[in-house]
Amino acid sequence: MSVLAYDPYVSLEDMSMCSVQKIEQLDRLLAESDIVSIHTNLNPDTHYLHCSEQLALMKFSALLINVSRGGIIDEKALLRALTDGQSIGLDVFEMEPLNFNNDTVMSQIAVLDNVLLSPHIAWYTDKAGKRLQHKVMQKCR
């Protein structure tokens, strides 16, 4: 598998050390990728970073995964893309906790067959949990 990454703050050298190919434009990464996994913080530059225009750039067969922050994807634009057949895995949501009575967009997204939702724990495995506990303990020391 080829791993492509877009990050304006990480150097080409650092990505190369991790066997990652740095892509200078997000649009190119979206157009070329079969799986796009989002790992970024939410700030004014990343709010709705993935909206109708960016979702339309993706391959029809591509899978979008968001494990960072909910506001990075425009959920209304996402609903349109999902009803057109794109697929997504969401571990975060713009409004948390999810309340389908108050969030009509997410209530429509949640019932689609091409959607996988998890409650902000997609990172968790037994190994990851133990590693996190160990790192916290080391920092406390």
Protein backbone atom coordinates (compact mmCIF):
# COMPACT_ATOMS: atom_id res chain seq x y z
CA MET A 1 0.00 0.00 0.00
CA SER A 2 1.18 3.51 -0.71
CA VAL A 3 0.61 5.94 2.13
CA LEU A 4 0.02 9.55 1.12
CA ALA A 5 -0.27 12.40 3.59
CA TYR A 6 -1.21 16.03 3.49
CA ASP A 7 0.07 18.17 6.33
CA PRO A 8 1.38 21.68 5.74
CA TYR A 9 3.28 21.58 9.06
CA VAL A 10 5.22 18.32 8.67
CA SER A 11 8.37 18.33 6.56
CA LEU A 12 9.03 16.14 3.56
CA GLU A 13 11.99 14.65 5.42
CA ASP A 14 9.93 13.68 8.47
CA MET A 15 7.31 12.01 6.28
CA SER A 16 9.96 10.20 4.25
CA MET A 17 11.45 8.79 7.46
CA CYS A 18 8.05 7.16 8.09
CA SER A 19 7.77 5.83 4.51
CA VAL A 20 5.00 8.32 3.76
CA GLN A 21 4.72 10.30 0.53
CA LYS A 22 3.98 13.95 1.22
CA ILE A 23 1.27 15.47 -0.98
CA GLU A 24 1.32 19.26 -1.24
CA GLN A 25 -2.37 19.74 -2.12
CA LEU A 26 -5.26 18.24 -0.19
CA ASP A 27 -7.35 18.11 -3.36
CA ARG A 28 -4.80 15.78 -4.98
CA LEU A 29 -4.72 13.51 -1.94
CA LEU A 30 -8.52 13.25 -1.95
CA ALA A 31 -8.64 12.48 -5.67
CA GLU A 32 -5.95 9.77 -5.53
CA SER A 33 -6.81 7.96 -2.30
CA ASP A 34 -8.88 4.83 -1.77
CA ILE A 35 -9.08 5.47 1.97
CA VAL A 36 -8.83 8.90 3.58
CA SER A 37 -8.33 8.97 7.34
CA ILE A 38 -8.58 12.38 8.98
CA HIS A 39 -6.27 13.13 11.94
CA THR A 40 -6.19 16.87 12.63
CA ASN A 41 -7.23 19.37 15.23
CA LEU A 42 -10.25 21.62 14.81
CA ASN A 43 -9.40 25.27 14.25
CA PRO A 44 -10.61 28.03 11.91
CA ASP A 45 -8.49 26.60 9.06
CA THR A 46 -9.85 23.05 9.43
CA HIS A 47 -13.51 23.82 10.23
CA TYR A 48 -15.50 22.22 7.39
CA LEU A 49 -12.24 21.34 5.67
CA HIS A 50 -14.22 18.55 4.03
CA CYS A 51 -17.29 20.10 2.41
CA SER A 52 -19.19 19.45 -0.82
CA GLU A 53 -16.29 20.41 -3.09
CA GLN A 54 -13.75 18.20 -1.32
CA LEU A 55 -16.13 15.24 -1.00
CA ALA A 56 -16.86 15.46 -4.73
CA LEU A 57 -13.13 15.11 -5.49
CA MET A 58 -12.97 11.68 -3.91
CA LYS A 59 -13.28 8.45 -5.85
CA PHE A 60 -16.81 7.09 -5.70
CA SER A 61 -15.42 3.91 -4.14
CA ALA A 62 -13.26 5.72 -1.55
CA LEU A 63 -13.82 5.40 2.17
CA LEU A 64 -13.60 8.49 4.39
CA ILE A 65 -12.77 8.00 8.08
CA ASN A 66 -12.88 10.82 10.63
CA VAL A 67 -11.30 10.11 14.00
CA SER A 68 -10.28 13.66 14.83
CA ARG A 69 -13.03 16.27 15.38
CA GLY A 70 -16.61 16.49 14.15
CA GLY A 71 -16.53 20.02 12.77
CA ILE A 72 -13.93 19.08 10.17
CA ILE A 73 -16.60 17.52 7.96
CA ASP A 74 -19.68 19.47 6.91
CA GLU A 75 -22.32 16.92 7.90
CA LYS A 76 -24.96 18.37 5.55
CA ALA A 77 -22.57 17.98 2.60
CA LEU A 78 -21.67 14.54 3.90
CA LEU A 79 -25.33 13.46 3.90
CA ARG A 80 -25.58 14.39 0.23
CA ALA A 81 -22.40 12.46 -0.61
CA LEU A 82 -23.58 9.43 1.34
CA THR A 83 -26.94 9.33 -0.41
CA ASP A 84 -24.97 9.36 -3.67
CA GLY A 85 -23.15 6.22 -2.48
CA GLN A 86 -19.90 7.30 -0.82
CA SER A 87 -18.97 5.52 2.43
CA ILE A 88 -17.76 6.84 5.78
CA GLY A 89 -16.63 5.83 9.23
CA LEU A 90 -17.26 8.46 11.90
CA ASP A 91 -15.83 8.34 15.38
CA VAL A 92 -16.59 12.01 16.07
CA PHE A 93 -19.55 14.23 15.41
CA GLU A 94 -20.17 17.94 15.21
CA MET A 95 -22.67 17.73 18.08
CA GLU A 96 -21.62 15.36 20.84
CA PRO A 97 -23.04 13.36 22.42
CA LEU A 98 -25.22 12.23 19.56
CA ASN A 99 -28.88 13.03 20.05
CA PHE A 100 -30.91 11.94 17.05
CA ASN A 101 -33.96 13.84 18.33
CA ASN A 102 -32.11 17.16 18.06
CA ASP A 103 -29.83 16.45 15.08
CA THR A 104 -31.86 15.68 11.98
CA VAL A 105 -28.81 15.44 9.72
CA MET A 106 -27.04 12.83 11.85
CA SER A 107 -30.30 10.93 12.38
CA GLN A 108 -30.50 10.55 8.57
CA ILE A 109 -26.81 9.64 8.28
CA ALA A 110 -26.98 7.02 11.04
CA VAL A 111 -29.50 4.79 9.26
CA LEU A 112 -27.56 4.51 5.99
CA ASP A 113 -25.90 1.18 5.13
CA ASN A 114 -22.68 2.87 3.98
CA VAL A 115 -22.00 4.45 7.38
CA LEU A 116 -20.15 3.12 10.43
CA LEU A 117 -20.46 5.13 13.65
CA SER A 118 -18.45 4.66 16.84
CA PRO A 119 -18.59 6.70 20.08
CA HIS A 120 -15.18 8.44 19.91
CA ILE A 121 -13.32 5.26 20.85
CA ALA A 122 -12.06 4.05 17.46
CA TRP A 123 -8.49 4.42 18.69
CA TYR A 124 -8.99 1.94 21.50
CA THR A 125 -7.55 -1.54 21.55
CA ASP A 126 -6.17 -3.39 24.57
CA LYS A 127 -2.64 -2.70 23.32
CA ALA A 128 -3.34 1.01 22.71
CA GLY A 129 -4.94 1.37 26.14
CA LYS A 130 -1.95 -0.21 27.88
CA ARG A 131 0.47 1.91 25.84
CA LEU A 132 -1.46 5.08 26.78
CA GLN A 133 -1.44 4.16 30.47
CA HIS A 134 2.30 3.43 30.32
CA LYS A 135 3.09 6.77 28.62
CA VAL A 136 1.00 8.71 31.14
CA MET A 137 2.79 6.97 33.98
CA GLN A 138 6.20 7.79 32.44
CA LYS A 139 5.27 11.47 32.07
CA CYS A 140 4.08 11.62 35.69
CA ARG A 141 7.41 10.26 36.88
